[in-house]
């Protein structure tokens, strides 16, 4: 099996949440945003402010380049989903 990189900000945000073992409500609380906003961010219909992006990166040790564009190294403690064997 090979590891695949989520190709979008919402996908990377969801991977982060799942790796941390959090629900959307718990992530919203940790980031001090509403559940509605967090949910919208994760499905790609909401827009994160520059301050929120900075907060996510700082709180979880991420680079902005990785979070927004998938560029750079993935933090070692964040797992990527494995590509299915049939793919």
C-alpha atoms as a PDB file:
ATOM      1  CA  UNK A   1       0.000   0.000   0.000  1.00  0.00           C
ATOM      2  CA  UNK A   2       1.170   3.474  -0.741  1.00  0.00           C
ATOM      3  CA  UNK A   3       0.292   6.611   1.203  1.00  0.00           C
ATOM      4  CA  UNK A   4      -1.699   9.335  -0.534  1.00  0.00           C
ATOM      5  CA  UNK A   5      -1.693  13.061   0.217  1.00  0.00           C
ATOM      6  CA  UNK A   6      -5.042  14.804   0.559  1.00  0.00           C
ATOM      7  CA  UNK A   7      -5.182  17.233  -2.359  1.00  0.00           C
ATOM      8  CA  UNK A   8      -7.074  20.075  -0.711  1.00  0.00           C
ATOM      9  CA  UNK A   9      -7.183  22.231   2.403  1.00  0.00           C
ATOM     10  CA  UNK A  10     -10.454  20.586   3.509  1.00  0.00           C
ATOM     11  CA  UNK A  11      -8.935  17.135   3.025  1.00  0.00           C
ATOM     12  CA  UNK A  12      -5.823  17.992   5.005  1.00  0.00           C
ATOM     13  CA  UNK A  13      -7.941  19.537   7.773  1.00  0.00           C
ATOM     14  CA  UNK A  14     -10.011  16.352   7.983  1.00  0.00           C
ATOM     15  CA  UNK A  15      -6.863  14.172   8.095  1.00  0.00           C
ATOM     16  CA  UNK A  16      -5.539  16.323  10.946  1.00  0.00           C
ATOM     17  CA  UNK A  17      -8.788  15.959  12.898  1.00  0.00           C
ATOM     18  CA  UNK A  18      -9.008  12.209  12.394  1.00  0.00           C
ATOM     19  CA  UNK A  19      -5.347  11.707  13.324  1.00  0.00           C
ATOM     20  CA  UNK A  20      -5.958  13.632  16.536  1.00  0.00           C
ATOM     21  CA  UNK A  21      -8.976  11.432  17.248  1.00  0.00           C
ATOM     22  CA  UNK A  22     -11.311  14.427  17.488  1.00  0.00           C
ATOM     23  CA  UNK A  23     -14.869  14.997  16.395  1.00  0.00           C
ATOM     24  CA  UNK A  24     -15.715  18.108  14.403  1.00  0.00           C
ATOM     25  CA  UNK A  25     -17.223  19.580  17.576  1.00  0.00           C
ATOM     26  CA  UNK A  26     -14.010  18.958  19.518  1.00  0.00           C
ATOM     27  CA  UNK A  27     -11.878  20.544  16.782  1.00  0.00           C
ATOM     28  CA  UNK A  28     -14.192  23.546  16.650  1.00  0.00           C
ATOM     29  CA  UNK A  29     -13.833  23.932  20.412  1.00  0.00           C
ATOM     30  CA  UNK A  30     -10.035  23.606  20.285  1.00  0.00           C
ATOM     31  CA  UNK A  31      -9.881  26.266  17.575  1.00  0.00           C
ATOM     32  CA  UNK A  32     -12.508  28.454  19.271  1.00  0.00           C
ATOM     33  CA  UNK A  33     -14.791  28.558  16.231  1.00  0.00           C
ATOM     34  CA  UNK A  34     -18.388  27.465  15.791  1.00  0.00           C
ATOM     35  CA  UNK A  35     -19.144  23.895  14.804  1.00  0.00           C
ATOM     36  CA  UNK A  36     -20.937  25.275  11.757  1.00  0.00           C
ATOM     37  CA  UNK A  37     -17.819  27.108  10.549  1.00  0.00           C
ATOM     38  CA  UNK A  38     -15.533  24.157  11.205  1.00  0.00           C
ATOM     39  CA  UNK A  39     -17.875  21.783   9.375  1.00  0.00           C
ATOM     40  CA  UNK A  40     -18.018  24.139   6.388  1.00  0.00           C
ATOM     41  CA  UNK A  41     -14.219  24.388   6.314  1.00  0.00           C
ATOM     42  CA  UNK A  42     -13.880  20.622   6.262  1.00  0.00           C
ATOM     43  CA  UNK A  43     -16.299  20.160   3.368  1.00  0.00           C
ATOM     44  CA  UNK A  44     -14.881  23.070   1.416  1.00  0.00           C
ATOM     45  CA  UNK A  45     -17.706  25.587   1.495  1.00  0.00           C
ATOM     46  CA  UNK A  46     -16.334  27.850   4.215  1.00  0.00           C
ATOM     47  CA  UNK A  47     -13.325  30.127   4.085  1.00  0.00           C
ATOM     48  CA  UNK A  48     -10.740  30.259   6.846  1.00  0.00           C
ATOM     49  CA  UNK A  49      -9.430  33.668   7.851  1.00  0.00           C
ATOM     50  CA  UNK A  50      -5.684  34.279   7.846  1.00  0.00           C
ATOM     51  CA  UNK A  51      -5.824  34.394  11.653  1.00  0.00           C
ATOM     52  CA  UNK A  52      -7.533  30.991  11.832  1.00  0.00           C
ATOM     53  CA  UNK A  53      -5.039  29.436   9.417  1.00  0.00           C
ATOM     54  CA  UNK A  54      -2.202  30.799  11.537  1.00  0.00           C
ATOM     55  CA  UNK A  55      -3.861  29.438  14.688  1.00  0.00           C
ATOM     56  CA  UNK A  56      -4.286  25.946  13.185  1.00  0.00           C
ATOM     57  CA  UNK A  57      -0.650  25.875  12.084  1.00  0.00           C
ATOM     58  CA  UNK A  58       0.664  27.132  15.410  1.00  0.00           C
ATOM     59  CA  UNK A  59      -1.525  24.891  17.560  1.00  0.00           C
ATOM     60  CA  UNK A  60      -0.745  21.684  15.666  1.00  0.00           C
ATOM     61  CA  UNK A  61       2.800  22.349  14.448  1.00  0.00           C
ATOM     62  CA  UNK A  62       1.925  22.540  10.760  1.00  0.00           C
ATOM     63  CA  UNK A  63       3.477  24.646   8.033  1.00  0.00           C
ATOM     64  CA  UNK A  64       1.111  27.011   6.258  1.00  0.00           C
ATOM     65  CA  UNK A  65       2.404  25.714   2.920  1.00  0.00           C
ATOM     66  CA  UNK A  66       1.428  22.160   3.817  1.00  0.00           C
ATOM     67  CA  UNK A  67      -1.980  23.090   5.221  1.00  0.00           C
ATOM     68  CA  UNK A  68      -3.012  25.325   2.331  1.00  0.00           C
ATOM     69  CA  UNK A  69      -1.231  23.775  -0.650  1.00  0.00           C
ATOM     70  CA  UNK A  70       0.116  20.389   0.374  1.00  0.00           C
ATOM     71  CA  UNK A  71       3.660  21.669  -0.179  1.00  0.00           C
ATOM     72  CA  UNK A  72       6.468  20.651   2.110  1.00  0.00           C
ATOM     73  CA  UNK A  73       6.884  17.983   4.687  1.00  0.00           C
ATOM     74  CA  UNK A  74       3.966  16.463   6.469  1.00  0.00           C
ATOM     75  CA  UNK A  75       4.474  16.531  10.226  1.00  0.00           C
ATOM     76  CA  UNK A  76       5.684  13.091  11.299  1.00  0.00           C
ATOM     77  CA  UNK A  77       2.887  12.596  13.818  1.00  0.00           C
ATOM     78  CA  UNK A  78       0.091  13.059  11.266  1.00  0.00           C
ATOM     79  CA  UNK A  79      -0.726   9.860   9.385  1.00  0.00           C
ATOM     80  CA  UNK A  80      -1.881   9.770   5.783  1.00  0.00           C
ATOM     81  CA  UNK A  81      -4.648   7.433   4.718  1.00  0.00           C
ATOM     82  CA  UNK A  82      -3.425   4.348   2.904  1.00  0.00           C
ATOM     83  CA  UNK A  83      -4.506   3.972  -0.703  1.00  0.00           C
ATOM     84  CA  UNK A  84      -6.726   0.947  -1.067  1.00  0.00           C
ATOM     85  CA  UNK A  85      -5.074  -2.197  -2.387  1.00  0.00           C
ATOM     86  CA  UNK A  86      -7.496  -2.292  -5.320  1.00  0.00           C
ATOM     87  CA  UNK A  87      -6.474   1.136  -6.600  1.00  0.00           C
END
